[in-house]
Structures are given as C-alpha cells and as structure tokens.
C-alpha atoms as a PDB file:
ATOM      1  CA  MET A   1      40.223  58.160  -9.602  1.00  0.00           C
ATOM      2  CA  LYS A   2      37.479  58.450  -7.073  1.00  0.00           C
ATOM      3  CA  ASN A   3      34.924  56.444  -8.705  1.00  0.00           C
ATOM      4  CA  LEU A   4      37.850  53.611  -8.640  1.00  0.00           C
ATOM      5  CA  ILE A   5      38.782  53.601  -5.215  1.00  0.00           C
ATOM      6  CA  CYS A   6      34.385  53.711  -4.361  1.00  0.00           C
ATOM      7  CA  ILE A   7      33.730  50.620  -6.434  1.00  0.00           C
ATOM      8  CA  LEU A   8      36.871  48.823  -4.850  1.00  0.00           C
ATOM      9  CA  ILE A   9      35.699  49.755  -1.320  1.00  0.00           C
ATOM     10  CA  VAL A  10      32.033  48.764  -1.888  1.00  0.00           C
ATOM     11  CA  SER A  11      33.388  45.496  -3.872  1.00  0.00           C
ATOM     12  CA  LEU A  12      35.255  44.615  -0.862  1.00  0.00           C
ATOM     13  CA  VAL A  13      32.530  45.130   1.565  1.00  0.00           C
ATOM     14  CA  MET A  14      30.235  42.947  -0.255  1.00  0.00           C
ATOM     15  CA  LEU A  15      32.808  40.569  -0.467  1.00  0.00           C
ATOM     16  CA  PHE A  16      33.666  40.281   2.992  1.00  0.00           C
ATOM     17  CA  SER A  17      30.171  40.889   4.224  1.00  0.00           C
ATOM     18  CA  CYS A  18      28.780  37.655   1.932  1.00  0.00           C
ATOM     19  CA  ALA A  19      31.454  35.453   3.628  1.00  0.00           C
ATOM     20  CA  ARG A  20      29.645  32.125   4.818  1.00  0.00           C
ATOM     21  CA  ASP A  21      30.085  30.943   8.468  1.00  0.00           C
ATOM     22  CA  VAL A  22      31.611  27.993   9.061  1.00  0.00           C
ATOM     23  CA  LEU A  23      29.578  25.645  11.436  1.00  0.00           C
ATOM     24  CA  THR A  24      32.069  24.289  14.189  1.00  0.00           C
ATOM     25  CA  ASP A  25      31.474  21.416  16.764  1.00  0.00           C
ATOM     26  CA  GLU A  26      27.590  22.276  16.965  1.00  0.00           C
ATOM     27  CA  ALA A  27      25.464  19.588  16.572  1.00  0.00           C
ATOM     28  CA  VAL A  28      22.507  20.369  14.058  1.00  0.00           C
ATOM     29  CA  ASP A  29      19.327  18.621  14.832  1.00  0.00           C
ATOM     30  CA  LEU A  30      17.153  18.312  11.802  1.00  0.00           C
ATOM     31  CA  LYS A  31      13.777  17.464  12.094  1.00  0.00           C
ATOM     32  CA  LYS A  32      12.104  14.760  10.321  1.00  0.00           C
ATOM     33  CA  ALA A  33       8.833  16.200   8.200  1.00  0.00           C
ATOM     34  CA  SER A  34       6.076  13.812   7.843  1.00  0.00           C
ATOM     35  CA  VAL A  35       4.053  14.967   4.597  1.00  0.00           C
ATOM     36  CA  ALA A  36       1.513  12.693   2.865  1.00  0.00           C
ATOM     37  CA  ILE A  37       2.685  11.891  -0.235  1.00  0.00           C
ATOM     38  CA  PRO A  38       1.017   9.892  -3.284  1.00  0.00           C
ATOM     39  CA  MET A  39       1.251   6.259  -3.153  1.00  0.00           C
ATOM     40  CA  LYS A  40      -0.119   4.135  -6.688  1.00  0.00           C
ATOM     41  CA  GLY A  41       0.649   1.017  -8.063  1.00  0.00           C
ATOM     42  CA  GLU A  42      -0.482  -2.248  -9.811  1.00  0.00           C
ATOM     43  CA  LEU A  43      -0.486  -5.461  -7.790  1.00  0.00           C
ATOM     44  CA  CYS A  44      -0.854  -9.029  -8.804  1.00  0.00           C
ATOM     45  CA  MET A  45      -1.519 -12.098  -6.359  1.00  0.00           C
ATOM     46  CA  THR A  46      -0.612 -15.751  -6.849  1.00  0.00           C
ATOM     47  CA  SER A  47      -2.103 -18.193  -4.642  1.00  0.00           C
ATOM     48  CA  ASN A  48       0.196 -19.763  -2.119  1.00  0.00           C
ATOM     49  CA  ASP A  49      -0.813 -23.580  -2.174  1.00  0.00           C
ATOM     50  CA  ASP A  50       1.256 -24.156   0.644  1.00  0.00           C
ATOM     51  CA  VAL A  51      -1.026 -22.455   2.843  1.00  0.00           C
ATOM     52  CA  PRO A  52      -4.184 -23.433   3.621  1.00  0.00           C
ATOM     53  CA  ARG A  53      -7.487 -22.061   2.048  1.00  0.00           C
ATOM     54  CA  MET A  54      -9.770 -19.711   3.835  1.00  0.00           C
ATOM     55  CA  LEU A  55     -13.397 -20.366   4.549  1.00  0.00           C
ATOM     56  CA  VAL A  56     -15.821 -18.203   3.707  1.00  0.00           C
ATOM     57  CA  ALA A  57     -18.278 -17.525   6.666  1.00  0.00           C
ATOM     58  CA  GLY A  58     -21.860 -17.781   5.821  1.00  0.00           C
ATOM     59  CA  THR A  59     -21.500 -20.395   3.116  1.00  0.00           C
ATOM     60  CA  PRO A  60     -22.893 -23.137   1.974  1.00  0.00           C
ATOM     61  CA  VAL A  61     -26.265 -21.353   1.606  1.00  0.00           C
ATOM     62  CA  PHE A  62     -29.273 -23.518   1.602  1.00  0.00           C
ATOM     63  CA  ASN A  63     -32.756 -22.888  -0.352  1.00  0.00           C
ATOM     64  CA  SER A  64     -35.934 -23.380   1.520  1.00  0.00           C
ATOM     65  CA  SER A  65     -36.332 -26.539   0.493  1.00  0.00           C
ATOM     66  CA  GLY A  66     -32.609 -27.481   1.878  1.00  0.00           C
ATOM     67  CA  GLU A  67     -30.815 -27.862  -1.600  1.00  0.00           C
ATOM     68  CA  VAL A  68     -27.280 -26.128  -1.991  1.00  0.00           C
ATOM     69  CA  VAL A  69     -27.793 -22.842  -3.777  1.00  0.00           C
ATOM     70  CA  ILE A  70     -23.950 -21.620  -3.179  1.00  0.00           C
ATOM     71  CA  PRO A  71     -21.345 -24.558  -2.091  1.00  0.00           C
ATOM     72  CA  GLN A  72     -18.800 -23.879   0.601  1.00  0.00           C
ATOM     73  CA  LEU A  73     -16.654 -21.059  -0.945  1.00  0.00           C
ATOM     74  CA  ASP A  74     -12.985 -20.182  -0.061  1.00  0.00           C
ATOM     75  CA  MET A  75     -10.513 -17.574  -0.893  1.00  0.00           C
ATOM     76  CA  ALA A  76      -6.540 -17.781  -0.642  1.00  0.00           C
ATOM     77  CA  GLY A  77      -5.562 -18.392   2.606  1.00  0.00           C
ATOM     78  CA  ALA A  78      -2.114 -16.639   1.292  1.00  0.00           C
ATOM     79  CA  ALA A  79      -0.767 -15.461  -1.850  1.00  0.00           C
ATOM     80  CA  TRP A  80       2.247 -13.999  -3.391  1.00  0.00           C
ATOM     81  CA  LEU A  81       2.403 -10.334  -4.818  1.00  0.00           C
ATOM     82  CA  ALA A  82       4.041  -9.040  -7.979  1.00  0.00           C
ATOM     83  CA  GLY A  83       3.988  -5.704  -9.222  1.00  0.00           C
ATOM     84  CA  HIS A  84       5.279  -2.362  -8.805  1.00  0.00           C
ATOM     85  CA  ALA A  85       4.381   1.229  -7.061  1.00  0.00           C
ATOM     86  CA  THR A  86       5.714   4.507  -6.146  1.00  0.00           C
ATOM     87  CA  HIS A  87       8.451   4.639  -4.141  1.00  0.00           C
ATOM     88  CA  MET A  88       8.830   0.990  -4.051  1.00  0.00           C
ATOM     89  CA  GLY A  89      10.031   0.198  -7.549  1.00  0.00           C
ATOM     90  CA  GLU A  90       9.491  -3.451  -8.667  1.00  0.00           C
ATOM     91  CA  LEU A  91       7.919  -6.005  -5.759  1.00  0.00           C
ATOM     92  CA  ILE A  92      10.751  -8.430  -5.034  1.00  0.00           C
ATOM     93  CA  ALA A  93       9.464 -11.770  -5.899  1.00  0.00           C
ATOM     94  CA  GLY A  94       8.812 -14.277  -2.668  1.00  0.00           C
ATOM     95  CA  GLN A  95       9.360 -11.200  -0.265  1.00  0.00           C
ATOM     96  CA  SER A  96       6.025  -9.302  -1.135  1.00  0.00           C
ATOM     97  CA  TYR A  97       2.551 -11.349   0.151  1.00  0.00           C
ATOM     98  CA  MET A  98      -0.770 -11.084   1.755  1.00  0.00           C
ATOM     99  CA  THR A  99      -2.460 -13.775   4.348  1.00  0.00           C
ATOM    100  CA  GLY A 100      -5.920 -14.029   4.976  1.00  0.00           C
ATOM    101  CA  VAL A 101      -7.543 -13.196   8.262  1.00  0.00           C
ATOM    102  CA  HIS A 102     -11.233 -13.389   7.756  1.00  0.00           C
ATOM    103  CA  ALA A 103     -13.648 -13.750   5.195  1.00  0.00           C
ATOM    104  CA  GLU A 104     -17.445 -13.955   4.753  1.00  0.00           C
ATOM    105  CA  LEU A 105     -20.470 -13.620   2.627  1.00  0.00           C
ATOM    106  CA  ASP A 106     -22.364 -10.633   2.030  1.00  0.00           C
ATOM    107  CA  MET A 107     -25.785 -11.470   2.888  1.00  0.00           C
ATOM    108  CA  VAL A 108     -26.973  -8.046   2.167  1.00  0.00           C
ATOM    109  CA  ALA A 109     -25.958  -8.269  -1.742  1.00  0.00           C
ATOM    110  CA  LEU A 110     -26.855 -12.400  -1.751  1.00  0.00           C
ATOM    111  CA  SER A 111     -30.678 -10.636  -1.162  1.00  0.00           C
ATOM    112  CA  GLU A 112     -30.021  -8.646  -4.290  1.00  0.00           C
ATOM    113  CA  GLY A 113     -28.474 -11.826  -6.488  1.00  0.00           C
ATOM    114  CA  LYS A 114     -25.040 -10.992  -6.416  1.00  0.00           C
ATOM    115  CA  ILE A 115     -22.144 -13.030  -4.892  1.00  0.00           C
ATOM    116  CA  VAL A 116     -20.092 -10.678  -2.845  1.00  0.00           C
ATOM    117  CA  LEU A 117     -17.057 -11.896  -0.559  1.00  0.00           C
ATOM    118  CA  VAL A 118     -15.803  -9.736   1.824  1.00  0.00           C
ATOM    119  CA  ALA A 119     -12.290 -10.044   3.212  1.00  0.00           C
ATOM    120  CA  GLU A 120      -9.615  -8.850   5.571  1.00  0.00           C
ATOM    121  CA  TYR A 121      -6.072  -9.329   4.520  1.00  0.00           C
ATOM    122  CA  GLU A 122      -2.442  -8.501   6.304  1.00  0.00           C
ATOM    123  CA  ALA A 123      -0.069  -7.628   3.563  1.00  0.00           C
ATOM    124  CA  LEU A 124       3.622  -6.946   3.154  1.00  0.00           C
ATOM    125  CA  LEU A 125       5.293  -5.422   0.244  1.00  0.00           C
ATOM    126  CA  THR A 126       8.916  -5.444  -0.261  1.00  0.00           C
ATOM    127  CA  GLY A 127      10.051  -3.169  -2.549  1.00  0.00           C
ATOM    128  CA  ASN A 128      13.286  -3.543  -4.995  1.00  0.00           C
ATOM    129  CA  ASN A 129      15.855  -1.959  -2.272  1.00  0.00           C
ATOM    130  CA  GLY A 130      14.708  -4.157   0.368  1.00  0.00           C
ATOM    131  CA  ASP A 131      12.487  -2.011   2.368  1.00  0.00           C
ATOM    132  CA  HIS A 132       9.083  -3.045   2.936  1.00  0.00           C
ATOM    133  CA  ILE A 133       5.878  -1.932   4.018  1.00  0.00           C
ATOM    134  CA  SER A 134       2.966  -3.602   6.370  1.00  0.00           C
ATOM    135  CA  LEU A 135      -0.653  -3.149   4.994  1.00  0.00           C
ATOM    136  CA  ILE A 136      -4.054  -3.895   6.221  1.00  0.00           C
ATOM    137  CA  SER A 137      -6.296  -4.278   3.476  1.00  0.00           C
ATOM    138  CA  ASN A 138     -10.753  -4.462   3.711  1.00  0.00           C
ATOM    139  CA  ILE A 139     -11.601  -5.744   0.330  1.00  0.00           C
ATOM    140  CA  ARG A 140     -15.027  -7.036  -1.380  1.00  0.00           C
ATOM    141  CA  ILE A 141     -14.863  -9.229  -4.394  1.00  0.00           C
ATOM    142  CA  ASP A 142     -17.890  -9.389  -6.721  1.00  0.00           C
ATOM    143  CA  SER A 143     -17.739 -13.206  -7.793  1.00  0.00           C
ATOM    144  CA  THR A 144     -21.578 -13.122  -9.295  1.00  0.00           C
ATOM    145  CA  ASP A 145     -19.525 -13.468 -12.511  1.00  0.00           C
ATOM    146  CA  PRO A 146     -16.888 -16.281 -11.940  1.00  0.00           C
ATOM    147  CA  SER A 147     -14.919 -15.544 -14.942  1.00  0.00           C
ATOM    148  CA  ASN A 148     -14.942 -11.855 -14.144  1.00  0.00           C
ATOM    149  CA  ARG A 149     -14.367 -11.161 -10.097  1.00  0.00           C
ATOM    150  CA  ILE A 150     -14.076  -7.646  -9.370  1.00  0.00           C
ATOM    151  CA  ILE A 151     -11.994  -6.765  -6.422  1.00  0.00           C
ATOM    152  CA  THR A 152     -12.896  -3.209  -4.727  1.00  0.00           C
ATOM    153  CA  GLY A 153     -11.527  -2.258  -1.199  1.00  0.00           C
ATOM    154  CA  ASP A 154      -9.559   0.035   0.849  1.00  0.00           C
ATOM    155  CA  TRP A 155      -5.811  -0.181   2.540  1.00  0.00           C
ATOM    156  CA  TYR A 156      -3.965   1.338   5.599  1.00  0.00           C
ATOM    157  CA  ALA A 157      -0.206   1.293   5.888  1.00  0.00           C
ATOM    158  CA  THR A 158       0.652  -0.074   9.684  1.00  0.00           C
ATOM    159  CA  GLY A 159       4.291   0.244   9.178  1.00  0.00           C
ATOM    160  CA  GLY A 160       7.455  -0.774   7.599  1.00  0.00           C
ATOM    161  CA  SER A 161      11.463  -1.083   7.450  1.00  0.00           C
ATOM    162  CA  GLY A 162      13.958   1.209   6.426  1.00  0.00           C
ATOM    163  CA  ASN A 163      12.686   4.457   4.217  1.00  0.00           C
ATOM    164  CA  PHE A 164       9.438   3.186   5.306  1.00  0.00           C
ATOM    165  CA  GLU A 165       9.724   2.768   9.128  1.00  0.00           C
ATOM    166  CA  ASN A 166       6.872   4.255  11.215  1.00  0.00           C
ATOM    167  CA  VAL A 167       5.225   4.690   7.702  1.00  0.00           C
ATOM    168  CA  THR A 168       1.410   5.580   8.275  1.00  0.00           C
ATOM    169  CA  GLY A 169      -1.432   6.096   5.183  1.00  0.00           C
ATOM    170  CA  SER A 170      -4.329   4.929   3.386  1.00  0.00           C
ATOM    171  CA  GLY A 171      -5.908   4.563  -0.044  1.00  0.00           C
ATOM    172  CA  VAL A 172      -8.452   2.189  -2.391  1.00  0.00           C
ATOM    173  CA  LEU A 173      -7.916  -0.608  -4.539  1.00  0.00           C
ATOM    174  CA  ASN A 174      -9.956  -1.771  -7.409  1.00  0.00           C
ATOM    175  CA  GLY A 175      -9.639  -4.174 -10.317  1.00  0.00           C
ATOM    176  CA  ILE A 176     -10.377  -7.428 -12.071  1.00  0.00           C
ATOM    177  CA  LEU A 177      -8.577 -10.592 -10.268  1.00  0.00           C
ATOM    178  CA  PRO A 178      -5.762 -11.462  -9.988  1.00  0.00           C
ATOM    179  CA  CYS A 179      -4.808  -7.683 -10.722  1.00  0.00           C
ATOM    180  CA  TRP A 180      -6.030  -4.596  -8.985  1.00  0.00           C
ATOM    181  CA  ASP A 181      -4.909  -0.597  -8.691  1.00  0.00           C
ATOM    182  CA  VAL A 182      -3.797   0.894  -5.727  1.00  0.00           C
ATOM    183  CA  ASP A 183      -4.129   4.756  -5.086  1.00  0.00           C
ATOM    184  CA  GLY A 184      -3.545   6.587  -1.891  1.00  0.00           C
ATOM    185  CA  THR A 185      -1.105   8.743   0.296  1.00  0.00           C
ATOM    186  CA  ILE A 186       1.621   7.639   2.540  1.00  0.00           C
ATOM    187  CA  ALA A 187       3.419   9.766   4.981  1.00  0.00           C
ATOM    188  CA  TYR A 188       7.023   8.447   6.213  1.00  0.00           C
ATOM    189  CA  SER A 189      10.274  10.248   7.767  1.00  0.00           C
ATOM    190  CA  ARG A 190      12.944   9.948   5.604  1.00  0.00           C
END
C-alpha cells in the first residue's frame, strides 16, 4: 500500500509539473531568419521578336584590307523564359522573361580566334504560385561554332515578391543555347 501511495504521489507531481503554460494576450515577435539555401534549375529562352534586337558593340570587325571579317552582330533584345527552379516549380509562361541591357564582342577572345559575346540581362522569374525573383545576369556566349553556342555566366538576385520579397543570392549558369542550367544559393525571409 505504501508503494502504491508513493507511485500515485509521484505520478500526480509529474502530471501537474508538465502542464503547459497557456499564452494569454502577449504578442509573440518571431524573427525571420535569412539563411542561404540551394537554388537550382533549368531555363530555356524563346526570343521575343516584338522587342528590337540588341546590337553587339565592337562589330562589324574589319581586316587590314577593309574587308568585313565579322558582320554586325546582334542578340535578343528580350526573350521569354520557360523551365523550372527549386522553390519556384515550373515558371509561368508569359510572365518570366529577360531583357537585354548591354552587349559587346570580347576582343581578347577574338585575338585568340574565338567569337565570344559578352552581355548583361535583367530577368524576372515567376514561379507557379505567382511569386517572382528579379535577377541580373552577366553572360558569355561562345559563338565560334554557331551550331553549338555555349553560354556561361553568373546571376545575382536583386529582389522579388511574395515568398521572395527581399531575396538575395547569386550563382552561375551554363549550357548550350537556347537552354542553360542555373546553380547557386538564395536567402529570403519566409
């Protein structure tokens, strides 16, 4: 009997000591963490022919006899983007795009016998929930073999909406046009 009473007392003490406090009307202020998380995806472009093409500075290129070696080159002034990315799902068609800022011919690569275009684009990626990320991308396109145009570069997140509000981050891109892979990290408050 003595043991039964001791067990009962210990059980009651444990039961009431583990009771959870109930929050009353105190305001709870939770801080939002900004932690770098991986961002990967694949994007493909389709030129937007409604926007004028962007001329490549440094072209045309003439030889010493005054003959055109490389004609006036141009790049897409804007393009629609399709594909998918982590945290975004499938991009919404017609709401994901890139717009050209500047393009030029890499003269060092030209001296090595390569035709490399260097450009800057601003992009907006809109995920399947309607939230978007704004990006700036600096790219290099090796067009030495026009049937195998290799794109490399980097990207920087400059903001966004919804879940991506105040997003930051960066990464790299590479592929064979019209598609490329993106890899990097982003940080945003949830």
